[in-house]
Amino acid sequence: MENCLFCKIIAGEISSEKLYEDELCYAFYDIDPQAPVHFLVVPKQHIEAPAAVTEQDAAVVGHIYAVIAHLAKELKLEKGYRVIANSGEDAGQTVHHLHFHVMAGRPMGWPAG
């Protein structure tokens, strides 16, 4: 997508602090962290939002969750972590490219938001 921030990050047009990359996804630290550990995992394929995920996207979304689990082990997030995917304006989605926030390093309150 032409003006997509995350597509530009994936393409290397905008710098990021890369945490992980493979053929399907890219993970990087959030530039405005909301927890001591806060990174994002995005599919390289442009998918607009969680609401736009189709059956054809199931493999990449499943792969992203496996990558999140791998990174959580690598970063020693034994106490737990939260995964958030916002869909739409009311949920707070500001970048219209599917992405998963992973936050850890402090207790997460409930209810969220």
N, C-alpha and C. Protein backbone atom coordinates (compact mmCIF):
# COMPACT_ATOMS: atom_id res chain seq x y z
N MET A 1 0.85 -1.18 0.00
CA MET A 1 0.00 0.00 0.00
C MET A 1 0.90 1.24 0.00
N GLU A 2 0.60 2.17 -0.83
CA GLU A 2 1.46 3.31 -1.12
C GLU A 2 1.85 4.17 0.08
N ASN A 3 0.90 4.60 0.88
CA ASN A 3 1.20 5.51 1.99
C ASN A 3 1.10 4.86 3.35
N CYS A 4 1.21 3.56 3.41
CA CYS A 4 1.08 2.84 4.67
C CYS A 4 2.39 2.91 5.46
N LEU A 5 2.32 3.42 6.67
CA LEU A 5 3.49 3.54 7.53
C LEU A 5 4.19 2.19 7.72
N PHE A 6 3.43 1.14 8.02
CA PHE A 6 4.05 -0.15 8.29
C PHE A 6 4.63 -0.78 7.03
N CYS A 7 4.00 -0.57 5.88
CA CYS A 7 4.57 -1.06 4.62
C CYS A 7 5.92 -0.38 4.37
N LYS A 8 6.01 0.92 4.70
CA LYS A 8 7.27 1.64 4.52
C LYS A 8 8.33 1.14 5.51
N ILE A 9 7.94 0.81 6.72
CA ILE A 9 8.88 0.25 7.70
C ILE A 9 9.38 -1.10 7.20
N ILE A 10 8.48 -1.95 6.75
CA ILE A 10 8.86 -3.28 6.24
C ILE A 10 9.82 -3.14 5.06
N ALA A 11 9.57 -2.17 4.19
CA ALA A 11 10.41 -1.96 3.00
C ALA A 11 11.74 -1.29 3.34
N GLY A 12 11.92 -0.85 4.58
CA GLY A 12 13.15 -0.18 4.97
C GLY A 12 13.19 1.29 4.61
N GLU A 13 12.06 1.85 4.19
CA GLU A 13 12.00 3.26 3.83
C GLU A 13 11.94 4.15 5.08
N ILE A 14 11.46 3.59 6.18
CA ILE A 14 11.42 4.27 7.47
C ILE A 14 12.14 3.37 8.45
N SER A 15 13.03 3.94 9.24
CA SER A 15 13.82 3.12 10.16
C SER A 15 12.98 2.62 11.33
N SER A 16 13.40 1.49 11.85
CA SER A 16 12.76 0.89 13.03
C SER A 16 13.80 0.08 13.76
N GLU A 17 13.50 -0.22 15.02
CA GLU A 17 14.38 -1.08 15.80
C GLU A 17 13.86 -2.50 15.65
N LYS A 18 14.41 -3.18 14.65
CA LYS A 18 13.93 -4.52 14.29
C LYS A 18 14.24 -5.52 15.39
N LEU A 19 13.24 -6.34 15.67
CA LEU A 19 13.36 -7.40 16.66
C LEU A 19 13.41 -8.76 15.98
N TYR A 20 12.68 -8.90 14.86
CA TYR A 20 12.57 -10.18 14.17
C TYR A 20 12.05 -9.93 12.75
N GLU A 21 12.47 -10.80 11.83
CA GLU A 21 11.94 -10.74 10.47
C GLU A 21 12.06 -12.10 9.82
N ASP A 22 11.02 -12.47 9.09
CA ASP A 22 11.07 -13.66 8.23
C ASP A 22 10.29 -13.35 6.97
N GLU A 23 9.99 -14.35 6.17
CA GLU A 23 9.32 -14.11 4.89
C GLU A 23 7.86 -13.64 5.04
N LEU A 24 7.26 -13.87 6.21
CA LEU A 24 5.84 -13.54 6.40
C LEU A 24 5.58 -12.33 7.29
N CYS A 25 6.50 -12.04 8.21
CA CYS A 25 6.20 -10.96 9.16
C CYS A 25 7.46 -10.21 9.59
N TYR A 26 7.21 -9.10 10.25
CA TYR A 26 8.26 -8.21 10.72
C TYR A 26 7.88 -7.75 12.12
N ALA A 27 8.83 -7.78 13.05
CA ALA A 27 8.58 -7.34 14.43
C ALA A 27 9.57 -6.23 14.77
N PHE A 28 9.06 -5.21 15.44
CA PHE A 28 9.90 -4.08 15.81
C PHE A 28 9.36 -3.43 17.08
N TYR A 29 10.25 -2.73 17.78
CA TYR A 29 9.86 -2.06 19.01
C TYR A 29 9.02 -0.82 18.71
N ASP A 30 8.00 -0.59 19.54
CA ASP A 30 7.12 0.57 19.40
C ASP A 30 7.90 1.84 19.71
N ILE A 31 7.69 2.88 18.92
CA ILE A 31 8.41 4.15 19.16
C ILE A 31 7.83 4.94 20.33
N ASP A 32 6.64 4.57 20.77
CA ASP A 32 6.00 5.23 21.92
C ASP A 32 5.52 4.13 22.88
N PRO A 33 6.45 3.44 23.54
CA PRO A 33 6.08 2.28 24.34
C PRO A 33 5.14 2.62 25.50
N GLN A 34 4.16 1.74 25.68
CA GLN A 34 3.17 1.88 26.75
C GLN A 34 3.44 0.90 27.90
N ALA A 35 4.55 0.19 27.82
CA ALA A 35 4.97 -0.76 28.84
C ALA A 35 6.48 -0.90 28.72
N PRO A 36 7.15 -1.43 29.75
CA PRO A 36 8.60 -1.61 29.66
C PRO A 36 9.03 -2.41 28.43
N VAL A 37 8.25 -3.39 28.03
CA VAL A 37 8.47 -4.12 26.78
C VAL A 37 7.24 -3.86 25.92
N HIS A 38 7.44 -3.30 24.73
CA HIS A 38 6.32 -3.02 23.82
C HIS A 38 6.84 -3.11 22.39
N PHE A 39 6.43 -4.17 21.72
CA PHE A 39 6.80 -4.31 20.32
C PHE A 39 5.58 -4.66 19.49
N LEU A 40 5.72 -4.51 18.19
CA LEU A 40 4.65 -4.82 17.26
C LEU A 40 5.09 -5.93 16.32
N VAL A 41 4.15 -6.74 15.91
CA VAL A 41 4.39 -7.75 14.88
C VAL A 41 3.36 -7.51 13.79
N VAL A 42 3.86 -7.36 12.56
CA VAL A 42 2.99 -7.05 11.42
C VAL A 42 3.23 -8.05 10.30
N PRO A 43 2.16 -8.42 9.58
CA PRO A 43 2.39 -9.24 8.40
C PRO A 43 3.03 -8.40 7.30
N LYS A 44 3.88 -9.00 6.50
CA LYS A 44 4.46 -8.26 5.37
C LYS A 44 3.40 -7.98 4.32
N GLN A 45 2.46 -8.86 4.19
CA GLN A 45 1.32 -8.66 3.29
C GLN A 45 0.44 -7.58 3.90
N HIS A 46 0.03 -6.62 3.09
CA HIS A 46 -0.83 -5.56 3.62
C HIS A 46 -2.24 -6.11 3.81
N ILE A 47 -2.66 -6.15 5.06
CA ILE A 47 -4.04 -6.48 5.43
C ILE A 47 -4.51 -5.27 6.22
N GLU A 48 -5.63 -4.71 5.86
CA GLU A 48 -6.10 -3.43 6.40
C GLU A 48 -6.31 -3.43 7.92
N ALA A 49 -6.92 -4.49 8.46
CA ALA A 49 -7.31 -4.50 9.88
C ALA A 49 -7.72 -5.92 10.26
N PRO A 50 -7.86 -6.20 11.56
CA PRO A 50 -8.38 -7.51 11.95
C PRO A 50 -9.71 -7.84 11.27
N ALA A 51 -10.54 -6.83 11.05
CA ALA A 51 -11.83 -7.06 10.41
C ALA A 51 -11.69 -7.48 8.95
N ALA A 52 -10.52 -7.26 8.36
CA ALA A 52 -10.29 -7.63 6.96
C ALA A 52 -9.65 -9.00 6.79
N VAL A 53 -9.33 -9.67 7.89
CA VAL A 53 -8.69 -11.00 7.81
C VAL A 53 -9.68 -11.99 7.22
N THR A 54 -9.19 -12.79 6.26
CA THR A 54 -10.01 -13.83 5.63
C THR A 54 -9.42 -15.20 5.93
N GLU A 55 -10.10 -16.23 5.52
CA GLU A 55 -9.59 -17.60 5.67
C GLU A 55 -8.22 -17.74 5.00
N GLN A 56 -8.01 -17.04 3.91
CA GLN A 56 -6.72 -17.11 3.20
C GLN A 56 -5.58 -16.50 4.03
N ASP A 57 -5.92 -15.68 5.00
CA ASP A 57 -4.92 -15.05 5.86
C ASP A 57 -4.65 -15.85 7.14
N ALA A 58 -5.39 -16.93 7.34
CA ALA A 58 -5.30 -17.68 8.60
C ALA A 58 -3.88 -18.17 8.87
N ALA A 59 -3.19 -18.64 7.85
CA ALA A 59 -1.83 -19.17 8.06
C ALA A 59 -0.88 -18.08 8.54
N VAL A 60 -0.94 -16.89 7.95
CA VAL A 60 -0.03 -15.83 8.37
C VAL A 60 -0.36 -15.34 9.77
N VAL A 61 -1.64 -15.25 10.11
CA VAL A 61 -2.02 -14.82 11.46
C VAL A 61 -1.57 -15.87 12.49
N GLY A 62 -1.76 -17.14 12.18
CA GLY A 62 -1.28 -18.20 13.07
C GLY A 62 0.23 -18.15 13.23
N HIS A 63 0.93 -17.90 12.13
CA HIS A 63 2.39 -17.79 12.17
C HIS A 63 2.81 -16.62 13.06
N ILE A 64 2.10 -15.51 12.96
CA ILE A 64 2.43 -14.34 13.79
C ILE A 64 2.31 -14.69 15.27
N TYR A 65 1.27 -15.42 15.64
CA TYR A 65 1.13 -15.82 17.05
C TYR A 65 2.27 -16.75 17.47
N ALA A 66 2.72 -17.61 16.59
CA ALA A 66 3.87 -18.47 16.90
C ALA A 66 5.13 -17.62 17.08
N VAL A 67 5.30 -16.61 16.25
CA VAL A 67 6.44 -15.70 16.37
C VAL A 67 6.36 -14.94 17.70
N ILE A 68 5.17 -14.49 18.06
CA ILE A 68 5.01 -13.80 19.35
C ILE A 68 5.42 -14.71 20.50
N ALA A 69 4.99 -15.95 20.47
CA ALA A 69 5.37 -16.91 21.53
C ALA A 69 6.88 -17.10 21.56
N HIS A 70 7.50 -17.21 20.40
CA HIS A 70 8.96 -17.37 20.30
C HIS A 70 9.67 -16.15 20.89
N LEU A 71 9.22 -14.96 20.51
CA LEU A 71 9.86 -13.74 21.01
C LEU A 71 9.66 -13.58 22.51
N ALA A 72 8.49 -13.95 23.00
CA ALA A 72 8.23 -13.87 24.45
C ALA A 72 9.19 -14.76 25.22
N LYS A 73 9.46 -15.95 24.69
CA LYS A 73 10.45 -16.83 25.34
C LYS A 73 11.84 -16.23 25.25
N GLU A 74 12.20 -15.72 24.08
CA GLU A 74 13.51 -15.13 23.87
C GLU A 74 13.75 -13.93 24.78
N LEU A 75 12.70 -13.14 25.00
CA LEU A 75 12.79 -11.95 25.84
C LEU A 75 12.52 -12.24 27.33
N LYS A 76 12.29 -13.52 27.62
CA LYS A 76 12.07 -13.97 29.00
C LYS A 76 10.87 -13.27 29.66
N LEU A 77 9.75 -13.31 28.98
CA LEU A 77 8.53 -12.68 29.49
C LEU A 77 7.70 -13.71 30.26
N GLU A 78 8.37 -14.40 31.20
CA GLU A 78 7.74 -15.49 31.95
C GLU A 78 6.52 -15.06 32.75
N LYS A 79 6.50 -13.81 33.21
CA LYS A 79 5.38 -13.34 34.03
C LYS A 79 4.13 -13.08 33.20
N GLY A 80 4.28 -13.03 31.89
CA GLY A 80 3.14 -12.83 31.02
C GLY A 80 3.28 -11.62 30.12
N TYR A 81 2.38 -11.56 29.16
CA TYR A 81 2.36 -10.46 28.21
C TYR A 81 0.96 -10.34 27.65
N ARG A 82 0.68 -9.18 27.08
CA ARG A 82 -0.63 -8.92 26.48
C ARG A 82 -0.44 -8.70 24.99
N VAL A 83 -1.34 -9.29 24.20
CA VAL A 83 -1.36 -9.10 22.74
C VAL A 83 -2.64 -8.34 22.40
N ILE A 84 -2.49 -7.25 21.66
CA ILE A 84 -3.63 -6.41 21.31
C ILE A 84 -3.63 -6.16 19.80
N ALA A 85 -4.78 -6.32 19.19
CA ALA A 85 -4.98 -5.95 17.79
C ALA A 85 -6.22 -5.08 17.71
N ASN A 86 -6.04 -3.81 17.44
CA ASN A 86 -7.16 -2.88 17.34
C ASN A 86 -7.76 -2.93 15.94
N SER A 87 -9.08 -2.88 15.88
CA SER A 87 -9.77 -2.90 14.59
C SER A 87 -10.77 -1.77 14.52
N GLY A 88 -10.44 -0.77 13.74
CA GLY A 88 -11.35 0.35 13.55
C GLY A 88 -11.10 1.52 14.48
N GLU A 89 -11.73 2.61 14.13
CA GLU A 89 -11.54 3.88 14.82
C GLU A 89 -11.91 3.82 16.31
N ASP A 90 -13.05 3.24 16.65
CA ASP A 90 -13.47 3.18 18.05
C ASP A 90 -12.53 2.33 18.90
N ALA A 91 -11.83 1.41 18.29
CA ALA A 91 -10.88 0.57 19.03
C ALA A 91 -9.51 1.24 19.15
N GLY A 92 -9.31 2.34 18.44
CA GLY A 92 -8.05 3.05 18.51
C GLY A 92 -7.07 2.71 17.41
N GLN A 93 -7.52 2.06 16.35
CA GLN A 93 -6.61 1.74 15.25
C GLN A 93 -6.25 3.02 14.52
N THR A 94 -4.95 3.35 14.49
CA THR A 94 -4.51 4.57 13.82
C THR A 94 -3.70 4.27 12.56
N VAL A 95 -3.10 3.08 12.49
CA VAL A 95 -2.40 2.65 11.28
C VAL A 95 -3.22 1.53 10.68
N HIS A 96 -3.64 1.71 9.45
CA HIS A 96 -4.54 0.74 8.82
C HIS A 96 -3.75 -0.34 8.09
N HIS A 97 -3.02 -1.10 8.89
CA HIS A 97 -2.27 -2.29 8.48
C HIS A 97 -2.34 -3.20 9.71
N LEU A 98 -2.83 -4.41 9.52
CA LEU A 98 -2.95 -5.34 10.64
C LEU A 98 -1.66 -5.37 11.44
N HIS A 99 -1.78 -5.21 12.75
CA HIS A 99 -0.60 -5.28 13.61
C HIS A 99 -1.02 -5.72 15.00
N PHE A 100 -0.08 -6.37 15.65
CA PHE A 100 -0.29 -6.91 16.98
C PHE A 100 0.69 -6.23 17.93
N HIS A 101 0.15 -5.53 18.92
CA HIS A 101 0.98 -4.95 19.98
C HIS A 101 1.25 -6.06 20.99
N VAL A 102 2.48 -6.19 21.42
CA VAL A 102 2.83 -7.12 22.49
C VAL A 102 3.45 -6.27 23.59
N MET A 103 2.82 -6.32 24.79
CA MET A 103 3.26 -5.51 25.90
C MET A 103 3.50 -6.38 27.13
N ALA A 104 4.56 -6.05 27.86
CA ALA A 104 4.92 -6.82 29.06
C ALA A 104 5.81 -5.97 29.95
N GLY A 105 6.15 -6.54 31.09
CA GLY A 105 7.07 -5.88 32.00
C GLY A 105 6.41 -5.11 33.11
N ARG A 106 5.09 -5.14 33.17
CA ARG A 106 4.33 -4.53 34.26
C ARG A 106 2.98 -5.22 34.31
N PRO A 107 2.31 -5.16 35.46
CA PRO A 107 0.96 -5.74 35.53
C PRO A 107 0.02 -5.00 34.57
N MET A 108 -0.78 -5.75 33.86
CA MET A 108 -1.76 -5.19 32.94
C MET A 108 -3.13 -5.21 33.63
N GLY A 109 -3.75 -4.07 33.73
CA GLY A 109 -5.05 -3.99 34.38
C GLY A 109 -6.17 -4.57 33.53
N TRP A 110 -7.29 -4.83 34.17
CA TRP A 110 -8.47 -5.28 33.47
C TRP A 110 -9.68 -4.64 34.12
N PRO A 111 -10.63 -4.12 33.43
CA PRO A 111 -10.76 -4.22 31.99
C PRO A 111 -9.78 -3.28 31.28
N ALA A 112 -9.37 -3.71 30.10
CA ALA A 112 -8.46 -2.91 29.29
C ALA A 112 -9.21 -1.69 28.74
N GLY A 113 -8.48 -0.64 28.49
CA GLY A 113 -9.07 0.53 27.83
C GLY A 113 -9.75 1.41 28.72
